[in-house]
C-alpha atoms as a PDB file:
ATOM      1  CA  MET A   1       0.059   0.087   0.185  1.00  0.00           C
ATOM      2  CA  SER A   2       1.650   3.119  -0.796  1.00  0.00           C
ATOM      3  CA  TYR A   3       0.260   6.368   0.977  1.00  0.00           C
ATOM      4  CA  PRO A   4      -0.160   9.619  -1.286  1.00  0.00           C
ATOM      5  CA  THR A   5       2.559  12.459  -1.253  1.00  0.00           C
ATOM      6  CA  PRO A   6       1.857  16.000   1.086  1.00  0.00           C
ATOM      7  CA  PRO A   7       1.201  18.919  -0.520  1.00  0.00           C
ATOM      8  CA  GLU A   8       3.772  21.488  -0.397  1.00  0.00           C
ATOM      9  CA  GLN A   9       3.486  24.079   2.700  1.00  0.00           C
ATOM     10  CA  PRO A  10       3.077  27.857   1.399  1.00  0.00           C
ATOM     11  CA  HIS A  11       5.233  28.512   5.308  1.00  0.00           C
ATOM     12  CA  GLN A  12       7.925  25.844   4.351  1.00  0.00           C
ATOM     13  CA  GLN A  13      11.801  27.581   4.081  1.00  0.00           C
ATOM     14  CA  PRO A  14      13.105  26.094   0.747  1.00  0.00           C
ATOM     15  CA  TYR A  15      16.117  24.429   1.585  1.00  0.00           C
ATOM     16  CA  GLN A  16      19.112  26.017   2.130  1.00  0.00           C
ATOM     17  CA  GLN A  17      22.946  25.155   1.332  1.00  0.00           C
ATOM     18  CA  PRO A  18      25.494  24.870   4.263  1.00  0.00           C
ATOM     19  CA  TYR A  19      28.429  27.779   4.453  1.00  0.00           C
ATOM     20  CA  GLU A  20      31.099  26.897   3.508  1.00  0.00           C
ATOM     21  CA  GLN A  21      33.927  26.792   5.436  1.00  0.00           C
ATOM     22  CA  GLY A  22      36.772  28.491   4.094  1.00  0.00           C
ATOM     23  CA  GLY A  23      37.917  32.218   3.334  1.00  0.00           C
ATOM     24  CA  PRO A  24      38.071  34.943   6.037  1.00  0.00           C
ATOM     25  CA  PRO A  25      35.514  35.006   9.033  1.00  0.00           C
ATOM     26  CA  PRO A  26      33.192  38.078   8.978  1.00  0.00           C
ATOM     27  CA  GLN A  27      34.084  41.527  10.072  1.00  0.00           C
ATOM     28  CA  GLY A  28      33.563  41.616  13.483  1.00  0.00           C
ATOM     29  CA  GLY A  29      33.094  37.878  14.365  1.00  0.00           C
ATOM     30  CA  ARG A  30      35.669  37.729  16.973  1.00  0.00           C
ATOM     31  CA  ARG A  31      34.734  40.669  18.773  1.00  0.00           C
ATOM     32  CA  ARG A  32      31.329  39.439  19.678  1.00  0.00           C
ATOM     33  CA  ASN A  33      32.709  36.397  21.342  1.00  0.00           C
ATOM     34  CA  VAL A  34      34.717  38.230  23.611  1.00  0.00           C
ATOM     35  CA  TRP A  35      31.807  40.602  25.477  1.00  0.00           C
ATOM     36  CA  PRO A  36      30.474  37.050  27.370  1.00  0.00           C
ATOM     37  CA  PHE A  37      33.700  36.611  29.445  1.00  0.00           C
ATOM     38  CA  VAL A  38      34.303  40.129  29.635  1.00  0.00           C
ATOM     39  CA  ALA A  39      31.037  40.084  31.294  1.00  0.00           C
ATOM     40  CA  ALA A  40      31.866  37.306  33.357  1.00  0.00           C
ATOM     41  CA  GLY A  41      34.979  38.395  34.463  1.00  0.00           C
ATOM     42  CA  ALA A  42      33.205  41.118  35.742  1.00  0.00           C
ATOM     43  CA  GLY A  43      31.382  39.866  37.899  1.00  0.00           C
ATOM     44  CA  VAL A  44      33.806  37.786  39.047  1.00  0.00           C
ATOM     45  CA  LEU A  45      35.580  40.163  40.682  1.00  0.00           C
ATOM     46  CA  GLY A  46      31.926  41.499  41.942  1.00  0.00           C
ATOM     47  CA  LEU A  47      31.604  39.153  43.906  1.00  0.00           C
ATOM     48  CA  ALA A  48      35.002  39.259  45.183  1.00  0.00           C
ATOM     49  CA  VAL A  49      35.357  42.775  45.811  1.00  0.00           C
ATOM     50  CA  GLY A  50      31.601  42.753  47.312  1.00  0.00           C
ATOM     51  CA  LEU A  51      32.861  39.189  49.612  1.00  0.00           C
ATOM     52  CA  GLY A  52      36.279  40.742  50.726  1.00  0.00           C
ATOM     53  CA  VAL A  53      34.059  44.249  51.636  1.00  0.00           C
ATOM     54  CA  GLY A  54      30.938  41.259  54.068  1.00  0.00           C
ATOM     55  CA  LEU A  55      34.026  39.753  55.305  1.00  0.00           C
ATOM     56  CA  LEU A  56      35.347  43.211  56.397  1.00  0.00           C
ATOM     57  CA  VAL A  57      32.623  44.873  57.568  1.00  0.00           C
ATOM     58  CA  GLY A  58      30.959  42.034  59.521  1.00  0.00           C
ATOM     59  CA  GLY A  59      33.577  39.445  60.033  1.00  0.00           C
ATOM     60  CA  GLY A  60      32.864  36.408  59.425  1.00  0.00           C
ATOM     61  CA  GLY A  61      33.824  33.428  61.642  1.00  0.00           C
ATOM     62  CA  GLU A  62      31.394  30.133  63.029  1.00  0.00           C
ATOM     63  CA  GLY A  63      31.244  32.308  65.715  1.00  0.00           C
ATOM     64  CA  ASP A  64      29.986  35.064  64.304  1.00  0.00           C
ATOM     65  CA  ARG A  65      27.089  32.830  62.275  1.00  0.00           C
ATOM     66  CA  ASP A  66      26.381  31.235  65.125  1.00  0.00           C
ATOM     67  CA  ALA A  67      26.090  34.147  66.750  1.00  0.00           C
ATOM     68  CA  ALA A  68      23.525  35.326  64.167  1.00  0.00           C
ATOM     69  CA  ASN A  69      21.165  32.163  64.656  1.00  0.00           C
ATOM     70  CA  ALA A  70      20.698  33.222  67.739  1.00  0.00           C
ATOM     71  CA  GLN A  71      20.027  36.368  67.546  1.00  0.00           C
ATOM     72  CA  ALA A  72      18.225  35.939  64.622  1.00  0.00           C
ATOM     73  CA  ALA A  73      15.352  33.199  66.467  1.00  0.00           C
ATOM     74  CA  CYS A  74      15.709  35.139  69.542  1.00  0.00           C
ATOM     75  CA  THR A  75      14.135  38.238  67.064  1.00  0.00           C
ATOM     76  CA  VAL A  76      11.973  36.214  66.363  1.00  0.00           C
ATOM     77  CA  VAL A  77      10.622  35.208  69.379  1.00  0.00           C
ATOM     78  CA  GLU A  78       9.754  38.467  70.847  1.00  0.00           C
ATOM     79  CA  ARG A  79       8.220  39.340  67.920  1.00  0.00           C
ATOM     80  CA  LEU A  80       4.900  36.348  68.296  1.00  0.00           C
ATOM     81  CA  ASP A  81       2.617  36.385  71.055  1.00  0.00           C
ATOM     82  CA  ALA A  82       2.988  33.674  73.299  1.00  0.00           C
ATOM     83  CA  ASP A  83      -0.308  33.623  74.613  1.00  0.00           C
ATOM     84  CA  GLU A  84      -1.504  33.528  70.874  1.00  0.00           C
ATOM     85  CA  PRO A  85       0.939  32.113  68.635  1.00  0.00           C
ATOM     86  CA  LEU A  86      -1.158  31.408  65.715  1.00  0.00           C
ATOM     87  CA  PRO A  87      -3.936  33.076  64.160  1.00  0.00           C
ATOM     88  CA  GLU A  88      -7.245  30.806  65.073  1.00  0.00           C
ATOM     89  CA  GLU A  89      -8.555  31.913  61.214  1.00  0.00           C
ATOM     90  CA  ASP A  90      -5.975  30.822  58.065  1.00  0.00           C
ATOM     91  CA  ALA A  91      -3.717  29.382  60.755  1.00  0.00           C
ATOM     92  CA  LEU A  92      -1.870  27.058  57.750  1.00  0.00           C
ATOM     93  CA  GLU A  93      -1.607  30.654  55.621  1.00  0.00           C
ATOM     94  CA  SER A  94      -0.297  32.958  58.674  1.00  0.00           C
ATOM     95  CA  PRO A  95       3.256  34.549  58.674  1.00  0.00           C
ATOM     96  CA  GLU A  96       3.504  33.418  62.645  1.00  0.00           C
ATOM     97  CA  LEU A  97       3.363  29.390  61.158  1.00  0.00           C
ATOM     98  CA  TRP A  98       6.898  30.442  59.164  1.00  0.00           C
ATOM     99  CA  GLU A  99       8.070  32.392  62.203  1.00  0.00           C
ATOM    100  CA  ILE A 100       7.613  29.033  64.274  1.00  0.00           C
ATOM    101  CA  THR A 101       9.697  26.763  61.963  1.00  0.00           C
ATOM    102  CA  ALA A 102      12.344  29.488  61.533  1.00  0.00           C
ATOM    103  CA  ILE A 103      13.008  30.503  65.825  1.00  0.00           C
ATOM    104  CA  SER A 104      13.296  25.845  65.531  1.00  0.00           C
ATOM    105  CA  GLY A 105      16.355  25.453  62.494  1.00  0.00           C
ATOM    106  CA  LEU A 106      18.211  28.549  63.747  1.00  0.00           C
ATOM    107  CA  ALA A 107      18.216  27.442  67.257  1.00  0.00           C
ATOM    108  CA  SER A 108      18.704  24.090  66.092  1.00  0.00           C
ATOM    109  CA  ALA A 109      21.565  25.905  64.167  1.00  0.00           C
ATOM    110  CA  ALA A 110      23.497  27.630  66.388  1.00  0.00           C
ATOM    111  CA  GLY A 111      23.682  25.504  68.912  1.00  0.00           C
ATOM    112  CA  ALA A 112      24.419  22.750  66.079  1.00  0.00           C
ATOM    113  CA  GLY A 113      27.971  25.660  66.275  1.00  0.00           C
ATOM    114  CA  ASP A 114      28.213  26.097  69.062  1.00  0.00           C
ATOM    115  CA  GLU A 115      28.007  24.903  72.995  1.00  0.00           C
ATOM    116  CA  GLU A 116      26.914  28.142  73.976  1.00  0.00           C
ATOM    117  CA  TYR A 117      23.271  28.267  72.572  1.00  0.00           C
ATOM    118  CA  ALA A 118      22.449  24.555  73.423  1.00  0.00           C
ATOM    119  CA  THR A 119      20.217  24.814  75.558  1.00  0.00           C
ATOM    120  CA  LEU A 120      18.306  27.148  72.645  1.00  0.00           C
ATOM    121  CA  ALA A 121      18.736  24.758  70.477  1.00  0.00           C
ATOM    122  CA  GLU A 122      16.567  21.712  73.507  1.00  0.00           C
ATOM    123  CA  ARG A 123      14.320  24.416  73.520  1.00  0.00           C
ATOM    124  CA  GLY A 124      13.927  24.948  69.210  1.00  0.00           C
ATOM    125  CA  GLN A 125      13.419  21.539  68.906  1.00  0.00           C
ATOM    126  CA  GLU A 126      10.834  21.033  71.741  1.00  0.00           C
ATOM    127  CA  LEU A 127       9.023  23.653  70.556  1.00  0.00           C
ATOM    128  CA  SER A 128       8.959  21.532  66.052  1.00  0.00           C
ATOM    129  CA  THR A 129       7.438  19.100  68.412  1.00  0.00           C
ATOM    130  CA  ALA A 130       5.041  20.935  69.427  1.00  0.00           C
ATOM    131  CA  MET A 131       4.332  22.284  66.623  1.00  0.00           C
ATOM    132  CA  ARG A 132       4.564  18.488  64.816  1.00  0.00           C
ATOM    133  CA  VAL A 133       1.955  16.894  67.155  1.00  0.00           C
ATOM    134  CA  ASN A 134      -0.332  20.389  66.807  1.00  0.00           C
ATOM    135  CA  ASN A 135      -0.694  21.285  70.958  1.00  0.00           C
ATOM    136  CA  LEU A 136      -0.602  24.807  70.737  1.00  0.00           C
ATOM    137  CA  GLU A 137      -0.144  25.359  73.860  1.00  0.00           C
ATOM    138  CA  LEU A 138       2.682  23.347  74.118  1.00  0.00           C
ATOM    139  CA  VAL A 139       3.701  25.933  71.216  1.00  0.00           C
ATOM    140  CA  SER A 140       2.875  28.539  74.022  1.00  0.00           C
ATOM    141  CA  GLU A 141       4.816  27.192  76.695  1.00  0.00           C
ATOM    142  CA  SER A 142       7.684  26.290  74.049  1.00  0.00           C
ATOM    143  CA  LEU A 143       7.733  30.020  73.213  1.00  0.00           C
ATOM    144  CA  ARG A 144       8.110  31.481  76.803  1.00  0.00           C
ATOM    145  CA  ASP A 145      10.779  28.791  77.233  1.00  0.00           C
ATOM    146  CA  LEU A 146      12.639  30.150  74.477  1.00  0.00           C
ATOM    147  CA  ALA A 147      12.405  33.906  74.840  1.00  0.00           C
ATOM    148  CA  ASP A 148      13.803  32.979  79.228  1.00  0.00           C
ATOM    149  CA  GLU A 149      16.582  30.946  77.340  1.00  0.00           C
ATOM    150  CA  CYS A 150      17.433  34.531  74.794  1.00  0.00           C
ATOM    151  CA  GLY A 151      17.225  36.354  78.349  1.00  0.00           C
ATOM    152  CA  GLU A 152      19.752  34.204  79.726  1.00  0.00           C
ATOM    153  CA  LEU A 153      22.006  34.911  76.747  1.00  0.00           C
ATOM    154  CA  GLY A 154      21.348  38.244  76.791  1.00  0.00           C
ATOM    155  CA  LEU A 155      19.529  38.518  73.482  1.00  0.00           C
ATOM    156  CA  ASP A 156      16.537  39.992  73.487  1.00  0.00           C
END
């Protein structure tokens, strides 16, 4: 059985001959290829300068990172209301839900990096457990414990 040949479509392009090798490259061909490398080099240089300035201004040791994580956790703890940590309506869409999650992560990161923040990390894990079991009373208690620990560390 043979199939009929489809009719030629008017929007098809005619067959083009491949570019023949040989002869000089088109005028200005090299200059256009250099700019991506110049842009990439400038980006790397800018990143290096920014990183260097950041390290000079903000430190950069592990102790600074652990202290920053602990401070961030305590800042968020201070912002939340321990008596009503989550709104009654739309709790799953509230920023407080994500802030509570952030507290647990930041406190754990601080404790993992520096033994000074081990108790803060334990309190963060308790908060995480309270959220997992969906016990708002325990969440409130954990937030109060975290606030007390932040006060003892001088991070309130």
